[in-house]
N, C-alpha and C. Protein backbone atom coordinates (compact mmCIF):
# COMPACT_ATOMS: atom_id res chain seq x y z
N MET A 1 91.35 69.07 62.15
CA MET A 1 91.58 70.09 61.00
C MET A 1 92.29 71.42 61.19
N SER A 2 91.67 72.12 62.08
CA SER A 2 92.09 73.50 62.45
C SER A 2 93.66 73.65 62.79
N VAL A 3 93.96 72.63 63.16
CA VAL A 3 95.76 72.60 63.77
C VAL A 3 96.30 72.09 62.47
N ILE A 4 95.89 71.37 61.84
CA ILE A 4 96.38 70.84 60.81
C ILE A 4 96.98 72.02 59.45
N ARG A 5 95.75 72.76 59.61
CA ARG A 5 95.68 73.90 58.69
C ARG A 5 96.71 75.06 59.02
N ARG A 6 97.22 74.89 60.23
CA ARG A 6 97.64 75.99 60.62
C ARG A 6 99.13 75.38 61.67
N PRO A 7 99.94 74.84 61.07
CA PRO A 7 101.30 73.91 61.34
C PRO A 7 101.98 75.18 62.38
N GLY A 8 102.52 74.31 63.50
CA GLY A 8 103.28 75.03 64.69
C GLY A 8 102.19 75.60 65.34
N LEU A 9 100.82 75.83 65.51
CA LEU A 9 99.91 75.75 66.27
C LEU A 9 99.98 74.99 67.83
N PHE A 10 100.11 74.00 67.29
CA PHE A 10 100.01 72.74 68.27
C PHE A 10 101.34 72.94 69.15
N GLY A 11 102.65 73.13 68.42
CA GLY A 11 103.73 73.33 69.12
C GLY A 11 103.75 74.48 69.76
N ARG A 12 103.37 75.76 69.73
CA ARG A 12 103.62 76.99 70.30
C ARG A 12 102.75 76.55 71.43
N ARG A 13 101.52 76.28 71.42
CA ARG A 13 100.51 75.86 72.66
C ARG A 13 101.39 74.95 73.75
N THR A 14 102.03 73.70 73.04
CA THR A 14 102.39 73.03 74.15
C THR A 14 103.81 73.37 74.78
N TYR A 15 104.29 74.47 73.79
CA TYR A 15 105.70 75.24 74.84
C TYR A 15 105.33 76.04 75.73
N HIS A 16 104.29 76.87 75.37
CA HIS A 16 103.55 77.73 76.55
C HIS A 16 103.02 76.76 77.59
N ARG A 17 102.40 75.78 77.34
CA ARG A 17 101.73 74.96 78.65
C ARG A 17 103.33 74.44 79.53
N LEU A 18 104.18 73.91 78.78
CA LEU A 18 105.21 73.36 79.37
C LEU A 18 106.11 74.63 80.12
N THR A 19 106.23 75.69 79.52
CA THR A 19 107.07 76.69 80.25
C THR A 19 106.01 77.18 81.09
N GLY A 20 104.87 77.28 81.30
CA GLY A 20 103.83 77.74 82.24
C GLY A 20 103.87 77.00 83.55
N VAL A 21 104.00 75.24 83.14
CA VAL A 21 104.23 74.33 84.32
C VAL A 21 105.60 74.39 85.16
N THR A 22 106.61 74.59 84.09
CA THR A 22 108.33 74.58 84.77
C THR A 22 108.02 75.94 85.53
N ALA A 23 107.62 77.00 85.07
CA ALA A 23 107.68 78.56 85.81
C ALA A 23 106.79 78.33 87.16
N ALA A 24 106.06 77.52 86.98
CA ALA A 24 105.07 77.59 88.20
C ALA A 24 105.21 76.81 89.27
N ALA A 25 106.20 76.03 88.71
CA ALA A 25 106.81 74.98 89.67
C ALA A 25 107.93 75.36 90.31
N SER A 26 108.61 76.30 89.73
CA SER A 26 109.88 76.88 90.18
C SER A 26 109.45 77.77 91.46
N ALA A 27 108.56 78.98 90.65
CA ALA A 27 108.01 79.68 91.32
C ALA A 27 107.46 79.28 92.97
N ALA A 28 106.47 78.16 92.72
CA ALA A 28 105.80 77.52 94.31
C ALA A 28 106.90 77.24 94.86
N THR A 29 107.69 76.41 94.41
CA THR A 29 109.10 75.82 95.02
C THR A 29 109.54 76.57 95.85
N VAL A 30 109.95 77.78 94.99
CA VAL A 30 110.62 79.08 95.95
C VAL A 30 110.10 79.67 96.81
N GLU A 31 108.31 79.89 96.56
CA GLU A 31 107.93 80.53 97.81
C GLU A 31 107.23 79.82 98.94
N THR A 32 106.94 78.63 98.65
CA THR A 32 106.41 77.59 99.39
C THR A 32 107.84 77.62 100.68
N LEU A 33 108.98 77.01 100.25
CA LEU A 33 110.26 76.96 100.98
C LEU A 33 110.55 78.09 102.06
N THR A 34 110.58 79.05 101.35
CA THR A 34 111.08 80.73 101.72
C THR A 34 109.64 80.96 102.94
N VAL A 35 108.61 80.56 102.61
CA VAL A 35 107.42 81.15 103.52
C VAL A 35 107.29 80.47 104.44
N GLY A 36 107.86 79.05 104.13
CA GLY A 36 107.48 77.96 104.96
C GLY A 36 108.68 78.15 106.03
N LEU A 37 109.88 78.38 105.86
CA LEU A 37 111.34 78.87 106.47
C LEU A 37 110.91 80.03 107.71
N TRP A 38 110.14 80.99 106.93
CA TRP A 38 109.80 82.16 107.79
C TRP A 38 108.77 81.73 108.79
N PHE A 39 108.10 80.92 108.24
CA PHE A 39 106.80 80.47 109.46
C PHE A 39 107.44 79.34 110.30
N ALA A 40 108.25 78.90 110.20
CA ALA A 40 108.68 77.92 111.17
C ALA A 40 109.63 78.38 112.00
N VAL A 41 110.30 79.69 111.80
CA VAL A 41 110.55 80.20 112.84
C VAL A 41 110.47 81.63 113.73
N VAL A 42 109.16 81.70 113.09
CA VAL A 42 108.29 82.91 113.77
C VAL A 42 107.07 82.19 114.84
N VAL A 43 106.62 81.15 114.23
CA VAL A 43 105.10 80.53 114.69
C VAL A 43 105.45 79.15 115.31
N ILE A 44 106.42 78.18 114.64
CA ILE A 44 106.51 77.03 115.45
C ILE A 44 107.20 76.92 116.07
N GLU A 45 108.68 77.48 116.22
CA GLU A 45 109.83 77.50 117.13
C GLU A 45 109.39 78.72 117.81
N PRO A 46 110.65 78.73 119.07
CA PRO A 46 110.24 80.04 119.96
C PRO A 46 110.85 81.10 119.08
N ARG A 47 109.95 82.38 119.22
CA ARG A 47 110.45 83.59 118.55
C ARG A 47 111.32 84.20 119.27
N THR A 48 112.53 84.47 118.53
CA THR A 48 113.43 85.30 118.88
C THR A 48 113.81 86.59 117.86
N THR A 49 114.11 87.65 118.29
CA THR A 49 114.72 88.62 117.49
C THR A 49 115.69 88.14 116.34
N LEU A 50 116.76 87.33 116.52
CA LEU A 50 117.42 86.96 115.35
C LEU A 50 116.82 86.11 114.33
N ALA A 51 115.67 85.21 114.86
CA ALA A 51 115.01 84.12 114.41
C ALA A 51 114.00 85.08 113.38
N ALA A 52 113.43 86.35 113.98
CA ALA A 52 112.76 87.00 113.30
C ALA A 52 113.18 87.76 112.10
N LEU A 53 114.67 88.11 112.36
CA LEU A 53 115.12 88.83 111.14
C LEU A 53 115.47 88.27 110.20
N LEU A 54 115.84 86.61 110.16
CA LEU A 54 116.43 85.68 109.80
C LEU A 54 114.86 85.48 108.70
N GLY A 55 114.08 85.29 109.25
CA GLY A 55 112.66 84.63 108.57
C GLY A 55 112.55 86.16 107.71
N LEU A 56 112.53 87.54 108.13
CA LEU A 56 112.12 88.16 107.29
C LEU A 56 113.34 88.31 106.08
N CYS A 57 114.35 88.06 106.22
CA CYS A 57 115.37 88.04 105.00
C CYS A 57 115.28 86.73 104.02
N ALA A 58 114.50 85.79 104.75
CA ALA A 58 114.05 84.55 103.77
C ALA A 58 113.08 85.09 102.78
N LEU A 59 112.08 85.61 103.76
CA LEU A 59 110.92 86.40 102.97
C LEU A 59 111.60 87.24 101.64
N PHE A 60 111.91 88.06 102.17
CA PHE A 60 112.37 88.78 100.90
C PHE A 60 113.36 88.35 99.92
N CYS A 61 114.33 87.56 100.03
CA CYS A 61 115.09 87.09 99.16
C CYS A 61 114.33 86.13 97.99
N GLY A 62 113.24 85.40 98.90
CA GLY A 62 112.33 84.26 98.29
C GLY A 62 111.46 85.22 97.21
N SER A 63 111.07 86.15 97.37
CA SER A 63 110.30 87.29 96.71
C SER A 63 110.99 87.78 95.67
N ILE A 64 111.93 88.05 96.03
CA ILE A 64 113.15 88.43 94.88
C ILE A 64 112.99 87.47 93.53
N LEU A 65 113.45 86.36 94.18
CA LEU A 65 113.59 84.94 93.32
C LEU A 65 112.66 84.98 92.48
N ARG A 66 111.38 84.53 93.08
CA ARG A 66 110.00 84.42 92.67
C ARG A 66 109.76 85.68 91.65
N ALA A 67 109.97 86.90 91.93
CA ALA A 67 109.89 87.68 90.74
C ALA A 67 110.68 87.87 89.69
N SER A 68 111.94 87.38 89.76
CA SER A 68 112.91 87.08 88.99
C SER A 68 112.34 85.76 88.14
N VAL A 69 111.73 84.94 88.34
CA VAL A 69 111.01 83.60 87.75
C VAL A 69 110.10 84.18 86.69
N VAL A 70 109.49 85.22 87.15
CA VAL A 70 108.11 85.98 86.47
C VAL A 70 109.21 86.74 85.28
N GLU A 71 109.86 87.33 85.58
CA GLU A 71 110.28 88.25 84.75
C GLU A 71 111.31 87.07 83.50
N VAL A 72 112.05 86.44 83.83
CA VAL A 72 112.81 85.45 82.95
C VAL A 72 111.97 84.77 82.11
N THR A 73 110.37 84.50 82.54
CA THR A 73 109.63 83.76 81.73
C THR A 73 109.08 84.34 80.86
N THR A 74 108.30 85.72 81.13
CA THR A 74 107.45 86.40 80.51
C THR A 74 108.37 87.44 79.61
N ALA A 75 109.80 87.59 79.95
CA ALA A 75 110.37 88.99 79.37
C ALA A 75 111.94 88.34 79.39
N THR A 76 112.78 89.40 79.46
CA THR A 76 114.43 88.90 79.68
C THR A 76 114.46 89.42 80.98
N LEU A 77 115.43 88.86 81.89
CA LEU A 77 116.30 89.35 83.09
C LEU A 77 117.00 90.19 83.04
N GLU A 78 116.68 91.45 83.50
CA GLU A 78 117.82 92.31 83.41
C GLU A 78 118.83 92.70 84.53
N GLY A 79 118.75 92.07 85.58
CA GLY A 79 119.34 92.57 86.87
C GLY A 79 118.48 91.67 88.16
N LEU A 80 119.33 91.41 89.26
CA LEU A 80 118.65 91.08 90.02
C LEU A 80 118.05 91.68 91.03
N PHE A 81 118.91 93.01 91.35
CA PHE A 81 118.48 93.93 92.00
C PHE A 81 118.29 95.31 91.42
N GLN A 82 117.21 95.24 90.66
CA GLN A 82 116.54 96.42 89.91
C GLN A 82 115.17 96.87 91.10
N PRO A 83 115.25 98.36 91.00
CA PRO A 83 114.41 98.89 91.83
C PRO A 83 113.13 98.21 91.78
N GLU A 84 112.28 97.95 90.85
CA GLU A 84 111.09 97.44 90.37
C GLU A 84 111.10 96.23 91.19
N ARG A 85 111.75 95.49 91.11
CA ARG A 85 111.93 94.12 91.85
C ARG A 85 112.08 94.11 93.10
N ILE A 86 112.72 95.37 93.67
CA ILE A 86 112.82 95.27 95.37
C ILE A 86 111.52 95.79 95.99
N GLY A 87 111.11 96.71 95.23
CA GLY A 87 109.47 97.02 95.40
C GLY A 87 108.77 96.12 95.30
N VAL A 88 108.56 95.22 94.58
CA VAL A 88 107.70 94.44 94.58
C VAL A 88 107.93 92.90 95.61
N ALA A 89 109.01 92.84 95.86
CA ALA A 89 109.82 92.10 96.96
C ALA A 89 109.21 92.47 98.33
N LEU A 90 109.70 94.30 98.61
CA LEU A 90 109.28 94.61 100.02
C LEU A 90 107.51 94.50 99.89
N LEU A 91 106.51 94.73 98.83
CA LEU A 91 105.45 94.65 99.20
C LEU A 91 104.97 92.97 99.48
N ALA A 92 105.34 92.02 98.93
CA ALA A 92 105.12 90.83 99.21
C ALA A 92 105.35 90.38 100.51
N SER A 93 106.85 90.93 100.96
CA SER A 93 107.04 90.17 102.41
C SER A 93 106.22 91.36 103.22
N ALA A 94 105.94 92.27 103.02
CA ALA A 94 105.08 93.16 103.92
C ALA A 94 103.52 92.53 104.19
N GLY A 95 103.01 91.78 103.03
CA GLY A 95 101.61 91.16 103.03
C GLY A 95 101.63 89.81 104.01
N TRP A 96 103.02 89.15 103.93
CA TRP A 96 102.88 87.89 104.94
C TRP A 96 103.17 88.68 106.18
N LEU A 97 103.78 89.33 106.46
CA LEU A 97 104.06 90.31 107.74
C LEU A 97 102.58 90.56 108.22
N CYS A 98 101.87 91.36 107.23
CA CYS A 98 100.80 92.03 107.99
C CYS A 98 99.44 90.46 108.33
N TRP A 99 99.84 89.52 107.78
CA TRP A 99 98.90 88.46 107.82
C TRP A 99 98.91 87.86 108.96
N LEU A 100 100.02 87.79 109.05
CA LEU A 100 100.19 86.79 110.30
C LEU A 100 100.08 87.83 111.68
N PHE A 101 100.43 89.36 111.69
CA PHE A 101 100.08 90.31 112.55
C PHE A 101 98.52 90.26 112.92
N VAL A 102 97.65 90.25 111.78
CA VAL A 102 96.22 90.68 111.85
C VAL A 102 95.57 89.30 112.35
N ALA A 103 96.06 87.90 112.56
CA ALA A 103 95.84 87.14 112.55
C ALA A 103 96.18 86.69 114.18
N GLU A 104 97.31 87.30 114.62
CA GLU A 104 97.55 87.29 116.12
C GLU A 104 96.90 87.95 116.91
N SER A 105 96.74 89.08 115.95
CA SER A 105 95.88 90.59 117.07
C SER A 105 94.32 90.05 116.91
N VAL A 106 94.22 89.48 116.22
CA VAL A 106 92.29 89.05 116.34
C VAL A 106 92.36 88.01 117.06
N GLY A 107 93.20 87.31 116.86
CA GLY A 107 93.15 85.82 117.36
C GLY A 107 91.77 84.65 116.82
N GLY A 108 91.89 83.80 117.33
CA GLY A 108 90.85 82.67 117.01
C GLY A 108 90.91 82.40 115.85
N GLU A 109 89.59 81.77 115.42
CA GLU A 109 89.01 81.31 114.28
C GLU A 109 88.79 82.54 113.46
N PHE A 110 88.02 83.67 113.99
CA PHE A 110 87.74 84.86 113.65
C PHE A 110 89.05 85.21 112.85
N GLY A 111 90.00 85.50 113.49
CA GLY A 111 91.19 86.36 113.14
C GLY A 111 91.94 85.69 112.20
N LEU A 112 91.81 84.08 112.30
CA LEU A 112 92.63 83.51 110.95
C LEU A 112 91.55 83.95 110.03
N ALA A 113 90.11 83.86 109.78
CA ALA A 113 89.36 84.20 108.39
C ALA A 113 89.98 85.68 108.06
N VAL A 114 90.13 86.63 109.16
CA VAL A 114 90.36 88.00 108.87
C VAL A 114 91.53 88.08 108.32
N ALA A 115 92.58 87.38 108.66
CA ALA A 115 94.13 87.51 108.23
C ALA A 115 93.89 86.89 106.78
N GLY A 116 93.46 85.87 106.62
CA GLY A 116 93.36 85.21 105.40
C GLY A 116 92.72 86.20 104.17
N ILE A 117 91.62 86.80 104.35
CA ILE A 117 90.80 87.76 103.55
C ILE A 117 92.13 89.10 103.21
N ALA A 118 92.54 89.19 104.32
CA ALA A 118 93.75 90.35 104.10
C ALA A 118 94.84 89.88 103.64
N LEU A 119 95.08 89.14 103.47
CA LEU A 119 96.24 88.29 102.68
C LEU A 119 95.83 87.97 101.08
N ALA A 120 94.84 87.61 101.14
CA ALA A 120 94.27 87.63 99.35
C ALA A 120 94.37 89.12 98.75
N ALA A 121 93.64 89.94 99.40
CA ALA A 121 93.94 91.20 98.91
C ALA A 121 95.21 91.75 98.61
N LEU A 122 96.43 91.49 99.87
CA LEU A 122 97.71 92.23 99.62
C LEU A 122 98.47 91.29 98.33
N LEU A 123 98.11 90.19 98.34
CA LEU A 123 98.65 89.38 97.15
C LEU A 123 98.27 89.67 96.14
N ALA A 124 96.57 89.85 95.74
CA ALA A 124 96.08 90.46 94.54
C ALA A 124 96.97 91.58 93.91
N VAL A 125 96.78 92.60 95.01
CA VAL A 125 97.67 93.78 94.52
C VAL A 125 99.29 93.71 93.95
N GLN A 126 99.44 92.83 94.96
CA GLN A 126 101.10 92.42 94.63
C GLN A 126 101.32 91.68 93.39
N SER A 127 100.30 90.78 92.88
CA SER A 127 100.34 90.39 91.50
C SER A 127 100.18 91.11 90.49
N ARG A 128 99.29 91.96 90.79
CA ARG A 128 98.89 92.67 89.75
C ARG A 128 100.25 94.16 89.33
N LEU A 129 100.90 94.12 90.39
CA LEU A 129 101.90 95.11 90.30
C LEU A 129 102.78 94.45 89.45
N GLU A 130 103.27 93.28 89.81
CA GLU A 130 104.35 92.16 89.62
C GLU A 130 103.99 92.15 88.07
N ALA A 131 102.72 91.86 87.56
CA ALA A 131 102.17 91.68 85.95
C ALA A 131 102.54 92.75 85.00
N ARG A 132 102.41 94.18 85.81
CA ARG A 132 102.53 95.10 85.42
C ARG A 132 103.89 95.36 84.85
N VAL A 133 104.92 95.27 85.87
CA VAL A 133 106.43 95.31 85.89
C VAL A 133 106.69 94.59 84.58
N PHE A 134 106.74 93.05 84.96
CA PHE A 134 107.55 92.33 84.54
C PHE A 134 106.79 91.36 82.90
N GLY A 135 105.35 91.75 82.91
CA GLY A 135 104.85 91.04 82.36
C GLY A 135 104.87 91.33 80.94
N PRO A 136 104.20 90.44 79.88
CA PRO A 136 104.45 91.24 78.74
C PRO A 136 104.06 92.11 78.44
N THR A 137 104.34 93.52 77.55
CA THR A 137 103.23 93.96 77.14
C THR A 137 102.46 93.94 76.22
N GLY A 138 101.42 94.86 76.69
CA GLY A 138 100.22 94.89 75.48
C GLY A 138 99.16 93.67 76.07
N ARG A 139 99.62 93.07 77.17
CA ARG A 139 98.52 92.14 77.77
C ARG A 139 98.25 92.48 79.08
N ARG A 140 96.64 92.41 78.81
CA ARG A 140 95.76 92.80 79.74
C ARG A 140 95.13 91.68 80.45
N ILE A 141 95.26 91.55 81.74
CA ILE A 141 94.56 90.55 82.45
C ILE A 141 93.34 90.85 83.31
N GLY A 142 92.20 90.03 83.32
CA GLY A 142 91.13 90.77 84.13
C GLY A 142 91.37 90.51 85.44
N PRO A 143 90.57 91.13 86.59
CA PRO A 143 90.64 91.04 87.91
C PRO A 143 90.76 89.55 88.20
N ALA A 144 90.08 88.56 87.47
CA ALA A 144 90.24 87.03 88.03
C ALA A 144 91.65 86.68 88.08
N GLY A 145 92.33 87.02 87.25
CA GLY A 145 94.00 86.45 86.69
C GLY A 145 94.55 86.77 87.78
N PHE A 146 94.47 88.04 88.85
CA PHE A 146 95.23 88.17 90.02
C PHE A 146 94.33 87.62 91.17
N ALA A 147 93.03 88.02 91.39
CA ALA A 147 92.12 87.54 92.30
C ALA A 147 92.16 85.83 92.80
N LEU A 148 92.16 85.13 92.12
CA LEU A 148 91.78 83.69 92.00
C LEU A 148 93.17 83.10 92.69
N PRO A 149 94.41 83.21 92.24
CA PRO A 149 95.58 82.71 92.58
C PRO A 149 95.77 83.35 94.09
N ALA A 150 95.75 84.57 94.15
CA ALA A 150 95.79 85.20 95.85
C ALA A 150 95.01 84.44 96.66
N THR A 151 93.87 84.10 96.11
CA THR A 151 92.93 83.17 97.25
C THR A 151 93.09 82.14 97.54
N LEU A 152 93.68 81.50 96.39
CA LEU A 152 94.35 79.91 96.53
C LEU A 152 95.32 79.81 97.58
N THR A 153 96.56 80.79 97.56
CA THR A 153 97.78 81.22 98.16
C THR A 153 96.84 81.45 99.79
N ALA A 154 96.17 82.47 99.69
CA ALA A 154 95.64 82.65 101.25
C ALA A 154 94.82 81.58 101.78
N VAL A 155 94.56 80.74 101.28
CA VAL A 155 93.69 79.20 101.40
C VAL A 155 94.57 78.42 102.23
N GLY A 156 95.56 78.15 101.08
CA GLY A 156 96.87 77.50 101.64
C GLY A 156 97.39 78.03 102.91
N ALA A 157 97.35 79.16 102.88
CA ALA A 157 98.51 79.71 104.26
C ALA A 157 97.55 79.81 105.60
N THR A 158 96.39 79.59 104.97
CA THR A 158 95.22 79.68 106.58
C THR A 158 95.12 78.04 106.70
N VAL A 159 95.01 77.32 105.91
CA VAL A 159 95.49 75.76 106.40
C VAL A 159 96.63 75.75 107.48
N LEU A 160 97.90 76.19 106.95
CA LEU A 160 99.01 75.70 107.52
C LEU A 160 98.66 76.72 108.75
N LEU A 161 98.11 77.65 109.20
CA LEU A 161 98.17 78.23 110.13
C LEU A 161 97.21 77.57 111.27
N ALA A 162 96.02 77.25 110.69
CA ALA A 162 95.30 76.18 111.29
C ALA A 162 95.72 75.35 111.86
N SER A 163 96.18 74.18 110.83
CA SER A 163 97.21 72.79 111.55
C SER A 163 97.92 73.27 112.48
N THR A 164 98.41 74.23 112.77
CA THR A 164 99.69 74.74 113.75
C THR A 164 98.61 75.24 115.12
N TRP A 165 97.67 76.14 115.05
CA TRP A 165 97.25 76.47 115.99
C TRP A 165 96.30 75.74 116.44
N PHE A 166 95.25 75.17 115.72
CA PHE A 166 93.99 74.01 116.50
C PHE A 166 94.40 72.84 116.26
N THR A 167 95.27 72.23 115.83
CA THR A 167 95.34 71.12 115.25
C THR A 167 96.57 70.39 116.06
N GLU A 168 96.57 69.20 117.45
CA GLU A 168 97.38 68.83 117.68
C GLU A 168 97.72 67.23 117.42
N TRP A 169 97.00 66.76 116.58
CA TRP A 169 97.39 65.43 116.48
C TRP A 169 98.44 65.34 115.66
N SER A 170 98.98 64.11 116.06
CA SER A 170 100.26 63.38 115.26
C SER A 170 100.21 61.92 115.24
N VAL A 171 100.63 61.26 113.80
CA VAL A 171 101.07 59.92 113.76
C VAL A 171 102.57 59.42 113.98
N THR A 172 102.50 58.73 114.74
CA THR A 172 104.13 57.97 114.62
C THR A 172 103.59 56.34 114.43
N THR A 173 104.60 56.21 113.49
CA THR A 173 105.05 54.60 113.19
C THR A 173 105.54 53.85 114.29
N ASP A 174 105.50 52.43 114.38
CA ASP A 174 106.24 51.64 115.06
C ASP A 174 107.86 52.04 114.82
N PRO A 175 108.69 51.57 115.51
CA PRO A 175 110.08 51.60 115.52
C PRO A 175 110.47 50.51 114.29
N LEU A 176 111.14 50.67 112.90
CA LEU A 176 111.86 50.34 112.40
C LEU A 176 113.15 49.94 112.46
N SER A 177 113.69 48.45 112.25
CA SER A 177 115.02 48.63 112.56
C SER A 177 115.87 48.57 111.03
N LEU A 178 116.66 49.15 111.12
CA LEU A 178 117.73 49.22 109.80
C LEU A 178 118.88 49.09 110.26
N GLY A 179 119.14 47.57 110.46
CA GLY A 179 120.87 47.48 110.86
C GLY A 179 120.85 47.39 112.30
N LEU A 180 121.77 48.49 112.63
CA LEU A 180 121.89 49.04 113.89
C LEU A 180 121.14 50.23 114.16
N ALA A 181 120.53 50.56 113.42
CA ALA A 181 119.58 52.00 114.00
C ALA A 181 118.31 51.52 114.00
N THR A 182 117.83 52.32 114.78
CA THR A 182 116.03 52.17 114.62
C THR A 182 115.20 53.51 114.66
N VAL A 183 114.40 53.61 113.45
CA VAL A 183 113.72 54.90 112.91
C VAL A 183 112.30 54.73 113.19
N VAL A 184 111.95 55.54 113.65
CA VAL A 184 110.85 56.04 114.45
C VAL A 184 110.31 57.17 113.25
N VAL A 185 109.30 57.37 112.61
CA VAL A 185 108.66 58.37 111.54
C VAL A 185 107.59 58.93 112.42
N ARG A 186 107.63 60.17 112.68
CA ARG A 186 106.48 60.87 113.19
C ARG A 186 105.83 61.83 112.24
N VAL A 187 104.68 62.33 112.04
CA VAL A 187 104.28 63.34 111.14
C VAL A 187 103.04 63.77 111.93
N GLU A 188 103.46 65.25 112.03
CA GLU A 188 102.66 65.79 112.92
C GLU A 188 101.79 66.98 111.62
N ALA A 189 100.50 67.58 112.94
CA ALA A 189 99.84 68.52 111.77
C ALA A 189 100.05 69.19 110.93
N PHE A 190 101.12 70.30 111.53
CA PHE A 190 101.44 71.55 110.59
C PHE A 190 102.45 70.99 109.71
N GLN A 191 103.11 69.52 109.41
CA GLN A 191 103.85 69.08 108.25
C GLN A 191 102.90 68.87 107.20
N VAL A 192 101.90 68.19 107.57
CA VAL A 192 100.47 68.08 106.64
C VAL A 192 100.08 69.61 106.10
N GLY A 193 99.94 70.51 107.28
CA GLY A 193 99.61 71.73 106.68
C GLY A 193 100.52 72.49 105.37
N PHE A 194 101.98 72.12 105.83
CA PHE A 194 102.92 72.76 104.83
C PHE A 194 102.44 72.15 103.45
N VAL A 195 102.47 70.85 103.48
CA VAL A 195 102.28 69.98 102.35
C VAL A 195 101.25 70.86 101.29
N VAL A 196 99.80 71.09 102.18
CA VAL A 196 98.92 71.38 101.66
C VAL A 196 98.96 72.63 101.26
N PHE A 197 99.94 73.76 101.75
CA PHE A 197 100.02 75.04 101.26
C PHE A 197 100.99 74.86 100.16
N GLY A 198 101.58 73.82 99.99
CA GLY A 198 102.64 73.81 98.69
C GLY A 198 101.83 73.55 97.40
N LEU A 199 100.88 72.98 97.82
CA LEU A 199 100.11 72.39 96.49
C LEU A 199 99.40 73.54 95.94
N PHE A 200 98.60 74.40 97.37
CA PHE A 200 98.21 75.64 96.89
C PHE A 200 98.59 76.44 95.91
N VAL A 201 99.50 76.92 96.64
CA VAL A 201 100.66 77.75 95.81
C VAL A 201 101.29 77.22 94.21
N PHE A 202 101.28 75.93 94.62
CA PHE A 202 101.61 75.60 92.77
C PHE A 202 100.37 75.48 91.86
N LEU A 203 99.24 75.37 92.34
CA LEU A 203 97.96 75.65 91.59
C LEU A 203 97.51 77.10 91.57
N ALA A 204 98.07 77.97 92.62
CA ALA A 204 98.00 79.76 92.19
C ALA A 204 98.95 80.03 91.45
N GLN A 205 100.26 79.40 91.37
CA GLN A 205 101.25 79.87 90.23
C GLN A 205 101.16 79.57 88.95
N GLN A 206 100.49 78.01 88.99
CA GLN A 206 99.96 77.40 87.54
C GLN A 206 98.90 78.63 87.04
N PHE A 207 97.97 78.70 87.68
CA PHE A 207 97.16 79.80 86.95
C PHE A 207 97.51 81.09 86.75
N ARG A 208 98.55 81.61 87.40
CA ARG A 208 99.05 82.83 87.28
C ARG A 208 99.91 82.89 85.78
N PHE A 209 100.31 81.87 85.86
CA PHE A 209 101.67 81.68 84.54
C PHE A 209 100.52 81.64 83.23
N ARG A 210 99.95 80.59 83.32
CA ARG A 210 98.73 80.27 82.43
C ARG A 210 98.37 81.63 81.70
N ARG A 211 97.70 82.69 82.36
CA ARG A 211 97.19 83.71 82.00
C ARG A 211 98.30 84.50 81.70
N LEU A 212 99.70 84.83 82.32
CA LEU A 212 100.39 85.99 81.81
C LEU A 212 101.05 85.30 80.58
N LEU A 213 101.24 83.86 80.19
CA LEU A 213 101.69 83.45 78.81
C LEU A 213 100.60 83.19 77.63
N GLU A 214 99.38 83.41 78.07
CA GLU A 214 98.06 83.43 76.45
C GLU A 214 98.89 84.55 75.65
N ARG A 215 98.25 84.03 74.52
CA ARG A 215 98.52 85.02 73.57
C ARG A 215 96.85 84.90 72.92
């Protein structure tokens, strides 16, 4: 009855929900692909100076695009390379670099846990700054609105790194004949970790945009 008495309420809620899911999917896709590319060239593949620079560029560009998704969803996009967006992108990129540095410096499972905690804290700070710069004015978001998405992303990143460092299993299918070609499908642990990372990033972004779009 309350919805009937207030026409348009259901439409607004549905619009905000669809907008949040679409924005979360876009931001999660950008972050998963760019972080995944950086991770592949500096962790999975042999690390070289050129590969590290390319991975860093991917991180930075991905952070700029993700911040643009936040701004265009909650406000109006005023330009791709604004000083505020560059600052947020640099902070996000530095968070991922610090995560890997801590994990490799400490080493082992303990290093993995410490790095995950550090990444969650850095991403929470970055998300708070991003919401303050690009979020709707007059909208206050509690600490949980930043801590939970950051924690979800950090958990996904920890699973990804653990699947690369501590898991060596793989699954290979029997050869499949496709005309003149023979196809063999091989699934490795880090590929499963990458999928899990993407799912956690999507959940984190969906929670973030739901809080940003709440009225």
